[in-house]
Amino acid sequence: MFTVTNNCPQKIWPATLTGQGDAVLSGFELAPQASKTLNIPSPWSGRFWARFQCSNSDNRFTCLSGDCNLGKVECNGAGATPPASLVEFTLAGADGKDFYDISLVDGFNLPVSVIPDRAGCQATVCPIDINNNGCPDELAVKDPNGGVVGCKSACLALDQPQYCCTGAFDKPGTCPPTNYSRIFKSKCPQAYSYAYDDATSTFTCPTGANYLITFCP
């Protein structure tokens, strides 16, 4: 069972994308301090993220941050338009474990945390609003008023192999952290900051735990 909570000062629209397993509710609205519970049977893999600065005009739903570009509240198999902070899960994976992480590989749009309810399972959190705390101008995505609504990864913004871990940089040994990925890592040490950031960013818990996902923890 997953409980998704909005601790942000503004309304958000969380979304899910199923990779394997039964499809679940793929988009919904959460007012500040509101929560929603989703029952997701194992095995399942997929991701959560949240959209904000959304509006409904001419019967088309759009968001300035995290939009899935279907014009609807439910994303129905479409993923987030980066940058978006992703919460990734594999339930009932190898050795009877759940695997989970927070990924900023494609950038950041909201702080988020994941807390399992089982003793001995570690929480993971990206607590800092990187949009307004250290996002370089060349990575910033802004709304029409100039407010930052997302911080792109260097790969997304600059599209160069050394930032994307492609071409000659396609192995852990040839794609070390960059100055850009270190910005994300310094703000959110438990989150994936680039493609080969597994060691400090993937967490496991015996299958059967419940998870609390909080945006703006």
Protein backbone atom coordinates (compact mmCIF):
# COMPACT_ATOMS: atom_id res chain seq x y z
CA MET A 1 0.00 0.00 0.00
CA PHE A 2 1.19 3.50 -0.87
CA THR A 3 0.10 6.73 0.77
CA VAL A 4 0.89 9.89 -1.19
CA THR A 5 0.87 13.12 0.83
CA ASN A 6 1.10 16.74 -0.26
CA ASN A 7 3.04 18.81 2.25
CA CYS A 8 3.65 21.58 -0.28
CA PRO A 9 2.05 25.03 0.14
CA GLN A 10 0.34 24.69 -3.24
CA LYS A 11 -1.94 22.14 -4.85
CA ILE A 12 -0.17 19.32 -6.71
CA TRP A 13 -1.23 16.57 -9.10
CA PRO A 14 0.72 13.36 -8.39
CA ALA A 15 1.01 10.84 -11.21
CA THR A 16 2.14 7.26 -11.72
CA LEU A 17 3.62 5.32 -14.60
CA THR A 18 3.45 1.52 -14.48
CA GLY A 19 6.36 -0.41 -15.97
CA GLN A 20 5.30 -3.95 -15.04
CA GLY A 21 2.24 -5.23 -13.21
CA ASP A 22 -1.32 -4.01 -12.86
CA ALA A 23 -1.98 -0.43 -13.90
CA VAL A 24 -2.89 1.91 -11.05
CA LEU A 25 -4.55 5.32 -10.81
CA SER A 26 -2.28 7.39 -13.03
CA GLY A 27 -3.11 10.91 -11.90
CA PHE A 28 -5.01 12.74 -9.19
CA GLU A 29 -5.26 16.06 -7.39
CA LEU A 30 -4.01 16.71 -3.86
CA ALA A 31 -4.70 19.89 -1.93
CA PRO A 32 -2.10 21.02 0.64
CA GLN A 33 -1.96 18.57 3.58
CA ALA A 34 -4.17 16.05 1.74
CA SER A 35 -3.27 12.38 1.22
CA LYS A 36 -4.40 9.56 -1.03
CA THR A 37 -3.89 5.82 -0.56
CA LEU A 38 -3.20 3.48 -3.48
CA ASN A 39 -3.27 -0.31 -3.18
CA ILE A 40 -0.71 -1.71 -5.60
CA PRO A 41 -0.37 -5.51 -5.68
CA SER A 42 3.07 -7.10 -6.06
CA PRO A 43 4.87 -7.71 -8.31
CA TRP A 44 4.91 -4.20 -9.72
CA SER A 45 7.40 -1.70 -11.01
CA GLY A 46 6.86 1.93 -11.83
CA ARG A 47 7.34 5.50 -10.75
CA PHE A 48 5.63 8.38 -9.01
CA TRP A 49 6.10 12.09 -9.55
CA ALA A 50 4.10 15.27 -9.01
CA ARG A 51 2.92 18.08 -11.26
CA PHE A 52 2.25 21.65 -10.20
CA GLN A 53 1.20 25.02 -11.59
CA CYS A 54 -1.59 23.23 -13.46
CA SER A 55 -4.72 24.63 -15.09
CA ASN A 56 -7.70 23.46 -17.10
CA SER A 57 -8.40 25.62 -20.13
CA ASP A 58 -10.70 24.70 -23.03
CA ASN A 59 -11.12 21.25 -21.44
CA ARG A 60 -7.40 20.61 -21.65
CA PHE A 61 -5.43 20.02 -18.45
CA THR A 62 -1.84 21.30 -18.57
CA CYS A 63 0.96 21.81 -16.05
CA LEU A 64 4.06 23.99 -16.13
CA SER A 65 6.05 21.39 -14.18
CA GLY A 66 6.01 17.60 -14.59
CA ASP A 67 3.29 17.51 -17.27
CA CYS A 68 2.57 14.22 -19.05
CA ASN A 69 1.17 16.11 -22.06
CA LEU A 70 -2.09 14.21 -22.48
CA GLY A 71 -4.32 17.13 -21.56
CA LYS A 72 -5.89 15.12 -18.73
CA VAL A 73 -5.42 14.68 -14.98
CA GLU A 74 -4.69 10.97 -15.50
CA CYS A 75 -1.49 10.25 -17.41
CA ASN A 76 -2.68 6.87 -18.78
CA GLY A 77 0.73 5.41 -19.60
CA ALA A 78 2.55 8.66 -20.36
CA GLY A 79 5.58 9.72 -18.32
CA ALA A 80 6.63 13.06 -16.94
CA THR A 81 8.10 15.75 -19.12
CA PRO A 82 11.48 16.35 -17.47
CA PRO A 83 12.69 17.83 -15.28
CA ALA A 84 10.76 15.94 -12.61
CA SER A 85 11.76 14.35 -9.33
CA LEU A 86 10.99 10.63 -9.75
CA VAL A 87 10.25 8.05 -7.06
CA GLU A 88 10.98 4.62 -8.56
CA PHE A 89 9.85 1.24 -7.22
CA THR A 90 10.25 -2.42 -8.01
CA LEU A 91 8.00 -4.48 -5.71
CA ALA A 92 8.78 -8.17 -5.15
CA GLY A 93 12.08 -7.97 -6.99
CA ALA A 94 15.20 -10.09 -6.53
CA ASP A 95 15.54 -12.07 -3.28
CA GLY A 96 11.98 -11.19 -2.22
CA LYS A 97 12.79 -7.51 -1.78
CA ASP A 98 11.32 -4.21 -2.82
CA PHE A 99 13.75 -1.78 -4.43
CA TYR A 100 13.16 1.98 -4.33
CA ASP A 101 14.97 5.22 -5.05
CA ILE A 102 14.55 8.92 -5.71
CA SER A 103 15.96 9.85 -9.11
CA LEU A 104 17.11 13.29 -10.25
CA VAL A 105 18.82 11.83 -13.33
CA ASP A 106 16.48 13.84 -15.57
CA GLY A 107 16.31 16.77 -13.17
CA PHE A 108 14.32 18.06 -10.20
CA ASN A 109 10.94 19.71 -9.71
CA LEU A 110 9.82 19.05 -6.09
CA PRO A 111 11.38 17.81 -2.85
CA VAL A 112 10.14 14.32 -1.94
CA SER A 113 10.65 11.54 0.61
CA VAL A 114 9.89 7.82 0.82
CA ILE A 115 9.34 6.23 4.23
CA PRO A 116 8.72 2.46 4.58
CA ASP A 117 6.66 1.33 7.57
CA ARG A 118 8.80 -1.74 8.27
CA ALA A 119 11.48 -1.70 10.97
CA GLY A 120 15.00 -1.86 9.58
CA CYS A 121 14.05 -0.39 6.19
CA GLN A 122 15.63 2.94 5.43
CA ALA A 123 13.84 6.11 4.41
CA THR A 124 15.19 8.12 1.51
CA VAL A 125 14.64 11.83 1.07
CA CYS A 126 15.42 14.75 -1.23
CA PRO A 127 14.60 17.55 1.22
CA ILE A 128 15.87 20.69 -0.52
CA ASP A 129 13.98 22.81 -3.05
CA ILE A 130 16.75 22.88 -5.63
CA ASN A 131 14.67 25.16 -7.88
CA ASN A 132 15.30 28.02 -5.48
CA ASN A 133 18.50 26.81 -3.83
CA GLY A 134 21.37 26.43 -6.25
CA CYS A 135 19.93 25.55 -9.66
CA PRO A 136 22.29 27.05 -12.27
CA ASP A 137 20.63 29.42 -14.72
CA GLU A 138 21.55 27.20 -17.67
CA LEU A 139 19.55 24.32 -16.11
CA ALA A 140 16.56 26.31 -14.84
CA VAL A 141 13.05 25.96 -16.29
CA LYS A 142 10.97 29.06 -15.60
CA ASP A 143 7.29 29.94 -15.62
CA PRO A 144 5.99 33.04 -17.47
CA ASN A 145 6.64 35.16 -14.38
CA GLY A 146 10.28 34.09 -14.14
CA GLY A 147 9.84 31.68 -11.23
CA VAL A 148 11.86 28.46 -11.43
CA VAL A 149 9.58 25.42 -11.73
CA GLY A 150 12.25 22.82 -12.50
CA CYS A 151 15.98 22.23 -12.66
CA LYS A 152 17.17 20.16 -15.63
CA SER A 153 19.97 17.64 -15.44
CA ALA A 154 23.09 18.57 -17.39
CA CYS A 155 22.36 15.68 -19.76
CA LEU A 156 18.91 17.04 -20.53
CA ALA A 157 20.03 20.67 -20.83
CA LEU A 158 23.38 20.28 -22.59
CA ASP A 159 23.05 16.87 -24.33
CA GLN A 160 26.74 15.98 -24.17
CA PRO A 161 28.11 12.43 -23.69
CA GLN A 162 30.08 13.22 -20.55
CA TYR A 163 26.87 14.32 -18.84
CA CYS A 164 24.64 11.58 -20.31
CA CYS A 165 27.07 8.66 -19.78
CA THR A 166 26.87 7.74 -23.46
CA GLY A 167 29.43 7.03 -26.19
CA ALA A 168 32.93 6.89 -24.74
CA PHE A 169 31.43 7.68 -21.30
CA ASP A 170 29.05 4.69 -21.16
CA LYS A 171 30.61 2.87 -18.19
CA PRO A 172 30.92 3.72 -14.49
CA GLY A 173 34.69 3.97 -14.86
CA THR A 174 34.45 6.52 -17.67
CA CYS A 175 31.46 8.54 -16.42
CA PRO A 176 32.32 10.01 -13.02
CA PRO A 177 30.26 12.71 -11.28
CA THR A 178 30.40 16.15 -12.87
CA ASN A 179 30.18 19.61 -11.33
CA TYR A 180 26.51 19.65 -12.32
CA SER A 181 25.63 16.27 -10.81
CA ARG A 182 27.49 17.26 -7.64
CA ILE A 183 25.07 20.18 -7.22
CA PHE A 184 22.17 17.72 -7.06
CA LYS A 185 24.11 15.33 -4.82
CA SER A 186 25.07 18.08 -2.38
CA LYS A 187 21.40 19.03 -1.95
CA CYS A 188 19.97 15.51 -1.95
CA PRO A 189 22.71 13.02 -0.95
CA GLN A 190 20.38 9.99 -1.03
CA ALA A 191 19.01 10.65 -4.53
CA TYR A 192 20.38 9.52 -7.88
CA SER A 193 22.23 12.50 -9.30
CA TYR A 194 23.40 10.86 -12.55
CA ALA A 195 23.24 7.48 -14.28
CA TYR A 196 25.92 5.62 -12.27
CA ASP A 197 25.00 6.83 -8.81
CA ASP A 198 23.71 3.45 -7.55
CA ALA A 199 25.87 2.91 -4.49
CA THR A 200 24.32 5.60 -2.29
CA SER A 201 20.91 5.86 -3.93
CA THR A 202 19.14 2.47 -4.15
CA PHE A 203 17.34 1.09 -1.09
CA THR A 204 15.67 -2.24 -0.33
CA CYS A 205 13.01 -3.55 2.02
CA PRO A 206 11.41 -7.01 2.38
CA THR A 207 8.35 -7.26 0.15
CA GLY A 208 5.12 -6.42 1.92
CA ALA A 209 6.01 -3.06 3.44
CA ASN A 210 3.78 -0.02 3.07
CA TYR A 211 5.28 3.23 1.80
CA LEU A 212 4.60 6.88 2.57
CA ILE A 213 5.56 9.21 -0.30
CA THR A 214 5.55 12.87 0.76
CA PHE A 215 6.07 15.78 -1.60
CA CYS A 216 7.72 18.77 0.14
CA PRO A 217 8.59 16.74 3.28
